[in-house]
PDB file of all heavy atoms in Angstrom:
ATOM      1  N   ALA A   1       8.066  38.611   1.215  1.00  0.00           N
ATOM      2  CA  ALA A   1       9.256  38.805   2.051  1.00  0.00           C
ATOM      3  C   ALA A   1       8.874  38.912   3.517  1.00  0.00           C
ATOM      4  O   ALA A   1       9.529  38.331   4.392  1.00  0.00           O
ATOM      5  CB  ALA A   1      10.016  40.053   1.602  1.00  0.00           C
ATOM      6  N   SER A   2       7.790  39.643   3.798  1.00  0.00           N
ATOM      7  CA  SER A   2       7.342  39.783   5.178  1.00  0.00           C
ATOM      8  C   SER A   2       6.878  38.450   5.747  1.00  0.00           C
ATOM      9  O   SER A   2       7.164  38.130   6.906  1.00  0.00           O
ATOM     10  CB  SER A   2       6.210  40.810   5.249  1.00  0.00           C
ATOM     11  OG  SER A   2       5.647  40.847   6.542  1.00  0.00           O
ATOM     12  N   GLU A   3       6.157  37.664   4.946  1.00  0.00           N
ATOM     13  CA  GLU A   3       5.661  36.383   5.433  1.00  0.00           C
ATOM     14  C   GLU A   3       6.809  35.409   5.674  1.00  0.00           C
ATOM     15  O   GLU A   3       6.783  34.638   6.631  1.00  0.00           O
ATOM     16  CB  GLU A   3       4.658  35.788   4.446  1.00  0.00           C
ATOM     17  CG  GLU A   3       4.070  34.455   4.880  1.00  0.00           C
ATOM     18  CD  GLU A   3       3.392  34.518   6.238  1.00  0.00           C
ATOM     19  OE1 GLU A   3       2.831  35.572   6.602  1.00  0.00           O
ATOM     20  OE2 GLU A   3       3.444  33.497   6.963  1.00  0.00           O
ATOM     21  N   LEU A   4       7.821  35.450   4.821  1.00  0.00           N
ATOM     22  CA  LEU A   4       8.953  34.542   4.980  1.00  0.00           C
ATOM     23  C   LEU A   4       9.870  34.956   6.127  1.00  0.00           C
ATOM     24  O   LEU A   4      10.255  34.130   6.959  1.00  0.00           O
ATOM     25  CB  LEU A   4       9.759  34.467   3.682  1.00  0.00           C
ATOM     26  CG  LEU A   4       9.119  33.763   2.489  1.00  0.00           C
ATOM     27  CD1 LEU A   4      10.029  33.877   1.271  1.00  0.00           C
ATOM     28  CD2 LEU A   4       8.834  32.302   2.795  1.00  0.00           C
ATOM     29  N   PHE A   5      10.232  36.240   6.151  1.00  0.00           N
ATOM     30  CA  PHE A   5      11.294  36.687   7.056  1.00  0.00           C
ATOM     31  C   PHE A   5      10.808  37.609   8.171  1.00  0.00           C
ATOM     32  O   PHE A   5      11.595  37.952   9.064  1.00  0.00           O
ATOM     33  CB  PHE A   5      12.391  37.395   6.254  1.00  0.00           C
ATOM     34  CG  PHE A   5      12.822  36.633   5.030  1.00  0.00           C
ATOM     35  CD1 PHE A   5      12.782  37.213   3.776  1.00  0.00           C
ATOM     36  CD2 PHE A   5      13.253  35.321   5.140  1.00  0.00           C
ATOM     37  CE1 PHE A   5      13.167  36.503   2.651  1.00  0.00           C
ATOM     38  CE2 PHE A   5      13.635  34.600   4.025  1.00  0.00           C
ATOM     39  CZ  PHE A   5      13.589  35.195   2.764  1.00  0.00           C
ATOM     40  N   GLY A   6       9.536  38.012   8.135  1.00  0.00           N
ATOM     41  CA  GLY A   6       9.014  38.903   9.150  1.00  0.00           C
ATOM     42  C   GLY A   6       9.302  40.364   8.840  1.00  0.00           C
ATOM     43  O   GLY A   6      10.004  40.687   7.878  1.00  0.00           O
ATOM     44  N   HIS A   7       8.754  41.264   9.633  1.00  0.00           N
ATOM     45  CA  HIS A   7       9.046  42.693   9.455  1.00  0.00           C
ATOM     46  C   HIS A   7       8.998  43.407  10.808  1.00  0.00           C
ATOM     47  O   HIS A   7       8.381  42.921  11.769  1.00  0.00           O
ATOM     48  CB  HIS A   7       8.072  43.345   8.469  1.00  0.00           C
ATOM     49  CG  HIS A   7       6.636  43.371   8.939  1.00  0.00           C
ATOM     50  ND1 HIS A   7       5.665  42.566   8.394  1.00  0.00           N
ATOM     51  CD2 HIS A   7       5.998  44.112   9.906  1.00  0.00           C
ATOM     52  CE1 HIS A   7       4.512  42.807   8.994  1.00  0.00           C
ATOM     53  NE2 HIS A   7       4.686  43.739   9.917  1.00  0.00           N
ATOM     54  N   GLU A   8       9.647  44.541  10.852  1.00  0.00           N
ATOM     55  CA  GLU A   8       9.654  45.369  12.046  1.00  0.00           C
ATOM     56  C   GLU A   8       8.514  46.387  11.974  1.00  0.00           C
ATOM     57  O   GLU A   8       8.048  46.750  10.887  1.00  0.00           O
ATOM     58  CB  GLU A   8      10.996  46.107  12.182  1.00  0.00           C
ATOM     59  CG  GLU A   8      12.199  45.211  12.356  1.00  0.00           C
ATOM     60  CD  GLU A   8      12.229  44.512  13.709  1.00  0.00           C
ATOM     61  OE1 GLU A   8      11.377  44.844  14.570  1.00  0.00           O
ATOM     62  OE2 GLU A   8      13.101  43.645  13.918  1.00  0.00           O
ATOM     63  N   LYS A   9       8.063  46.836  13.108  1.00  0.00           N
ATOM     64  CA  LYS A   9       7.020  47.857  13.164  1.00  0.00           C
ATOM     65  C   LYS A   9       7.453  49.104  12.419  1.00  0.00           C
ATOM     66  O   LYS A   9       8.579  49.586  12.562  1.00  0.00           O
ATOM     67  CB  LYS A   9       6.718  48.189  14.628  1.00  0.00           C
ATOM     68  CG  LYS A   9       5.630  49.246  14.808  1.00  0.00           C
ATOM     69  CD  LYS A   9       5.389  49.517  16.282  1.00  0.00           C
ATOM     70  CE  LYS A   9       4.332  50.603  16.456  1.00  0.00           C
ATOM     71  NZ  LYS A   9       4.057  50.885  17.894  1.00  0.00           N
ATOM     72  N   GLY A  10       6.567  49.606  11.571  1.00  0.00           N
ATOM     73  CA  GLY A  10       6.857  50.828  10.831  1.00  0.00           C
ATOM     74  C   GLY A  10       7.723  50.643   9.601  1.00  0.00           C
ATOM     75  O   GLY A  10       8.110  51.626   8.965  1.00  0.00           O
ATOM     76  N   SER A  11       8.029  49.393   9.229  1.00  0.00           N
ATOM     77  CA  SER A  11       8.925  49.163   8.088  1.00  0.00           C
ATOM     78  C   SER A  11       8.255  49.470   6.755  1.00  0.00           C
ATOM     79  O   SER A  11       8.935  49.707   5.758  1.00  0.00           O
ATOM     80  CB  SER A  11       9.444  47.724   8.096  1.00  0.00           C
ATOM     81  OG  SER A  11       8.360  46.800   8.091  1.00  0.00           O
ATOM     82  N   PHE A  12       6.930  49.468   6.713  1.00  0.00           N
ATOM     83  CA  PHE A  12       6.193  49.864   5.511  1.00  0.00           C
ATOM     84  C   PHE A  12       4.780  50.252   5.937  1.00  0.00           C
ATOM     85  O   PHE A  12       4.370  50.030   7.091  1.00  0.00           O
ATOM     86  CB  PHE A  12       6.170  48.742   4.466  1.00  0.00           C
ATOM     87  CG  PHE A  12       5.640  47.418   4.981  1.00  0.00           C
ATOM     88  CD1 PHE A  12       4.267  47.147   5.019  1.00  0.00           C
ATOM     89  CD2 PHE A  12       6.523  46.441   5.436  1.00  0.00           C
ATOM     90  CE1 PHE A  12       3.796  45.939   5.497  1.00  0.00           C
ATOM     91  CE2 PHE A  12       6.052  45.218   5.900  1.00  0.00           C
ATOM     92  CZ  PHE A  12       4.686  44.969   5.944  1.00  0.00           C
ATOM     93  N   THR A  13       4.038  50.830   5.017  1.00  0.00           N
ATOM     94  CA  THR A  13       2.676  51.280   5.322  1.00  0.00           C
ATOM     95  C   THR A  13       1.819  50.106   5.781  1.00  0.00           C
ATOM     96  O   THR A  13       1.733  49.091   5.097  1.00  0.00           O
ATOM     97  CB  THR A  13       2.042  51.930   4.081  1.00  0.00           C
ATOM     98  OG1 THR A  13       2.860  53.025   3.657  1.00  0.00           O
ATOM     99  CG2 THR A  13       0.637  52.442   4.409  1.00  0.00           C
ATOM    100  N   GLY A  14       1.224  50.233   6.920  1.00  0.00           N
ATOM    101  CA  GLY A  14       0.384  49.175   7.463  1.00  0.00           C
ATOM    102  C   GLY A  14       1.097  48.265   8.446  1.00  0.00           C
ATOM    103  O   GLY A  14       0.456  47.434   9.092  1.00  0.00           O
ATOM    104  N   ALA A  15       2.413  48.413   8.558  1.00  0.00           N
ATOM    105  CA  ALA A  15       3.172  47.580   9.508  1.00  0.00           C
ATOM    106  C   ALA A  15       3.096  48.219  10.885  1.00  0.00           C
ATOM    107  O   ALA A  15       4.026  48.904  11.345  1.00  0.00           O
ATOM    108  CB  ALA A  15       4.623  47.449   9.044  1.00  0.00           C
ATOM    109  N   ASP A  16       1.940  48.010  11.569  1.00  0.00           N
ATOM    110  CA  ASP A  16       1.711  48.686  12.845  1.00  0.00           C
ATOM    111  C   ASP A  16       2.284  47.917  14.024  1.00  0.00           C
ATOM    112  O   ASP A  16       2.201  48.370  15.164  1.00  0.00           O
ATOM    113  CB  ASP A  16       0.209  48.915  13.056  1.00  0.00           C
ATOM    114  CG  ASP A  16      -0.606  47.641  12.940  1.00  0.00           C
ATOM    115  OD1 ASP A  16      -0.002  46.588  12.631  1.00  0.00           O
ATOM    116  OD2 ASP A  16      -1.829  47.700  13.137  1.00  0.00           O
ATOM    117  N   ARG A  17       2.855  46.729  13.760  1.00  0.00           N
ATOM    118  CA  ARG A  17       3.516  45.982  14.821  1.00  0.00           C
ATOM    119  C   ARG A  17       4.520  45.010  14.205  1.00  0.00           C
ATOM    120  O   ARG A  17       4.485  44.752  13.010  1.00  0.00           O
ATOM    121  CB  ARG A  17       2.492  45.225  15.675  1.00  0.00           C
ATOM    122  CG  ARG A  17       1.681  44.193  14.920  1.00  0.00           C
ATOM    123  CD  ARG A  17       0.838  43.363  15.886  1.00  0.00           C
ATOM    124  NE  ARG A  17       0.072  42.369  15.154  1.00  0.00           N
ATOM    125  CZ  ARG A  17      -1.240  42.440  14.943  1.00  0.00           C
ATOM    126  NH1 ARG A  17      -1.916  43.474  15.399  1.00  0.00           N
ATOM    127  NH2 ARG A  17      -1.868  41.495  14.284  1.00  0.00           N
ATOM    128  N   ARG A  18       5.404  44.509  15.038  1.00  0.00           N
ATOM    129  CA  ARG A  18       6.400  43.542  14.564  1.00  0.00           C
ATOM    130  C   ARG A  18       5.708  42.240  14.158  1.00  0.00           C
ATOM    131  O   ARG A  18       4.779  41.784  14.820  1.00  0.00           O
ATOM    132  CB  ARG A  18       7.427  43.273  15.651  1.00  0.00           C
ATOM    133  CG  ARG A  18       8.373  42.123  15.318  1.00  0.00           C
ATOM    134  CD  ARG A  18       9.316  41.832  16.455  1.00  0.00           C
ATOM    135  NE  ARG A  18      10.379  42.829  16.531  1.00  0.00           N
ATOM    136  CZ  ARG A  18      11.335  42.820  17.462  1.00  0.00           C
ATOM    137  NH1 ARG A  18      11.337  41.874  18.402  1.00  0.00           N
ATOM    138  NH2 ARG A  18      12.273  43.743  17.460  1.00  0.00           N
ATOM    139  N   HIS A  19       6.186  41.645  13.074  1.00  0.00           N
ATOM    140  CA  HIS A  19       5.647  40.362  12.614  1.00  0.00           C
ATOM    141  C   HIS A  19       6.789  39.349  12.518  1.00  0.00           C
ATOM    142  O   HIS A  19       7.836  39.632  11.920  1.00  0.00           O
ATOM    143  CB  HIS A  19       4.997  40.519  11.234  1.00  0.00           C
ATOM    144  CG  HIS A  19       4.597  39.217  10.598  1.00  0.00           C
ATOM    145  ND1 HIS A  19       3.608  38.398  11.105  1.00  0.00           N
ATOM    146  CD2 HIS A  19       5.077  38.576   9.487  1.00  0.00           C
ATOM    147  CE1 HIS A  19       3.480  37.326  10.345  1.00  0.00           C
ATOM    148  NE2 HIS A  19       4.365  37.407   9.357  1.00  0.00           N
ATOM    149  N   VAL A  20       6.607  38.196  13.127  1.00  0.00           N
ATOM    150  CA  VAL A  20       7.597  37.121  13.069  1.00  0.00           C
ATOM    151  C   VAL A  20       7.297  36.245  11.855  1.00  0.00           C
ATOM    152  O   VAL A  20       6.182  35.724  11.724  1.00  0.00           O
ATOM    153  CB  VAL A  20       7.571  36.281  14.358  1.00  0.00           C
ATOM    154  CG1 VAL A  20       8.539  35.111  14.254  1.00  0.00           C
ATOM    155  CG2 VAL A  20       7.917  37.151  15.553  1.00  0.00           C
ATOM    156  N   GLY A  21       8.272  36.091  10.974  1.00  0.00           N
ATOM    157  CA  GLY A  21       8.067  35.369   9.721  1.00  0.00           C
ATOM    158  C   GLY A  21       8.160  33.860   9.870  1.00  0.00           C
ATOM    159  O   GLY A  21       8.468  33.318  10.941  1.00  0.00           O
ATOM    160  N   ALA A  22       7.900  33.179   8.756  1.00  0.00           N
ATOM    161  CA  ALA A  22       7.846  31.715   8.755  1.00  0.00           C
ATOM    162  C   ALA A  22       9.175  31.089   9.153  1.00  0.00           C
ATOM    163  O   ALA A  22       9.199  30.062   9.843  1.00  0.00           O
ATOM    164  CB  ALA A  22       7.434  31.227   7.367  1.00  0.00           C
ATOM    165  N   PHE A  23      10.298  31.683   8.739  1.00  0.00           N
ATOM    166  CA  PHE A  23      11.592  31.083   9.063  1.00  0.00           C
ATOM    167  C   PHE A  23      11.870  31.119  10.555  1.00  0.00           C
ATOM    168  O   PHE A  23      12.480  30.196  11.099  1.00  0.00           O
ATOM    169  CB  PHE A  23      12.707  31.771   8.271  1.00  0.00           C
ATOM    170  CG  PHE A  23      12.902  31.208   6.899  1.00  0.00           C
ATOM    171  CD1 PHE A  23      12.073  31.589   5.857  1.00  0.00           C
ATOM    172  CD2 PHE A  23      13.892  30.276   6.649  1.00  0.00           C
ATOM    173  CE1 PHE A  23      12.240  31.066   4.590  1.00  0.00           C
ATOM    174  CE2 PHE A  23      14.072  29.740   5.383  1.00  0.00           C
ATOM    175  CZ  PHE A  23      13.236  30.131   4.345  1.00  0.00           C
ATOM    176  N   GLU A  24      11.427  32.165  11.227  1.00  0.00           N
ATOM    177  CA  GLU A  24      11.581  32.205  12.685  1.00  0.00           C
ATOM    178  C   GLU A  24      10.591  31.264  13.361  1.00  0.00           C
ATOM    179  O   GLU A  24      10.940  30.544  14.308  1.00  0.00           O
ATOM    180  CB  GLU A  24      11.362  33.629  13.194  1.00  0.00           C
ATOM    181  CG  GLU A  24      12.529  34.570  12.948  1.00  0.00           C
ATOM    182  CD  GLU A  24      12.322  35.907  13.614  1.00  0.00           C
ATOM    183  OE1 GLU A  24      12.533  36.003  14.848  1.00  0.00           O
ATOM    184  OE2 GLU A  24      11.910  36.856  12.922  1.00  0.00           O
ATOM    185  N   ARG A  25       9.341  31.242  12.866  1.00  0.00           N
ATOM    186  CA  ARG A  25       8.324  30.378  13.477  1.00  0.00           C
ATOM    187  C   ARG A  25       8.665  28.902  13.281  1.00  0.00           C
ATOM    188  O   ARG A  25       8.287  28.051  14.087  1.00  0.00           O
ATOM    189  CB  ARG A  25       6.942  30.651  12.871  1.00  0.00           C
ATOM    190  CG  ARG A  25       6.449  32.064  13.052  1.00  0.00           C
ATOM    191  CD  ARG A  25       4.950  32.179  12.816  1.00  0.00           C
ATOM    192  NE  ARG A  25       4.525  31.641  11.530  1.00  0.00           N
ATOM    193  CZ  ARG A  25       4.497  32.332  10.401  1.00  0.00           C
ATOM    194  NH1 ARG A  25       4.899  33.603  10.388  1.00  0.00           N
ATOM    195  NH2 ARG A  25       4.077  31.778   9.276  1.00  0.00           N
ATOM    196  N   GLY A  26       9.400  28.599  12.209  1.00  0.00           N
ATOM    197  CA  GLY A  26       9.740  27.211  11.919  1.00  0.00           C
ATOM    198  C   GLY A  26      11.026  26.738  12.556  1.00  0.00           C
ATOM    199  O   GLY A  26      11.474  25.610  12.291  1.00  0.00           O
ATOM    200  N   HIS A  27      11.633  27.564  13.385  1.00  0.00           N
ATOM    201  CA  HIS A  27      12.899  27.203  14.030  1.00  0.00           C
ATOM    202  C   HIS A  27      12.756  25.871  14.781  1.00  0.00           C
ATOM    203  O   HIS A  27      11.848  25.675  15.583  1.00  0.00           O
ATOM    204  CB  HIS A  27      13.319  28.302  15.009  1.00  0.00           C
ATOM    205  CG  HIS A  27      14.652  28.070  15.650  1.00  0.00           C
ATOM    206  ND1 HIS A  27      15.843  28.339  15.005  1.00  0.00           N
ATOM    207  CD2 HIS A  27      14.981  27.576  16.866  1.00  0.00           C
ATOM    208  CE1 HIS A  27      16.852  28.036  15.816  1.00  0.00           C
ATOM    209  NE2 HIS A  27      16.355  27.561  16.948  1.00  0.00           N
TER     210      HIS A  27
END
């Protein structure tokens, strides 16, 4: 889910920064 859609900082253990997922990168 994180790889596809990205995640916000602090959304789960180890999420120390925002991550932009494949759907955003593929825009």
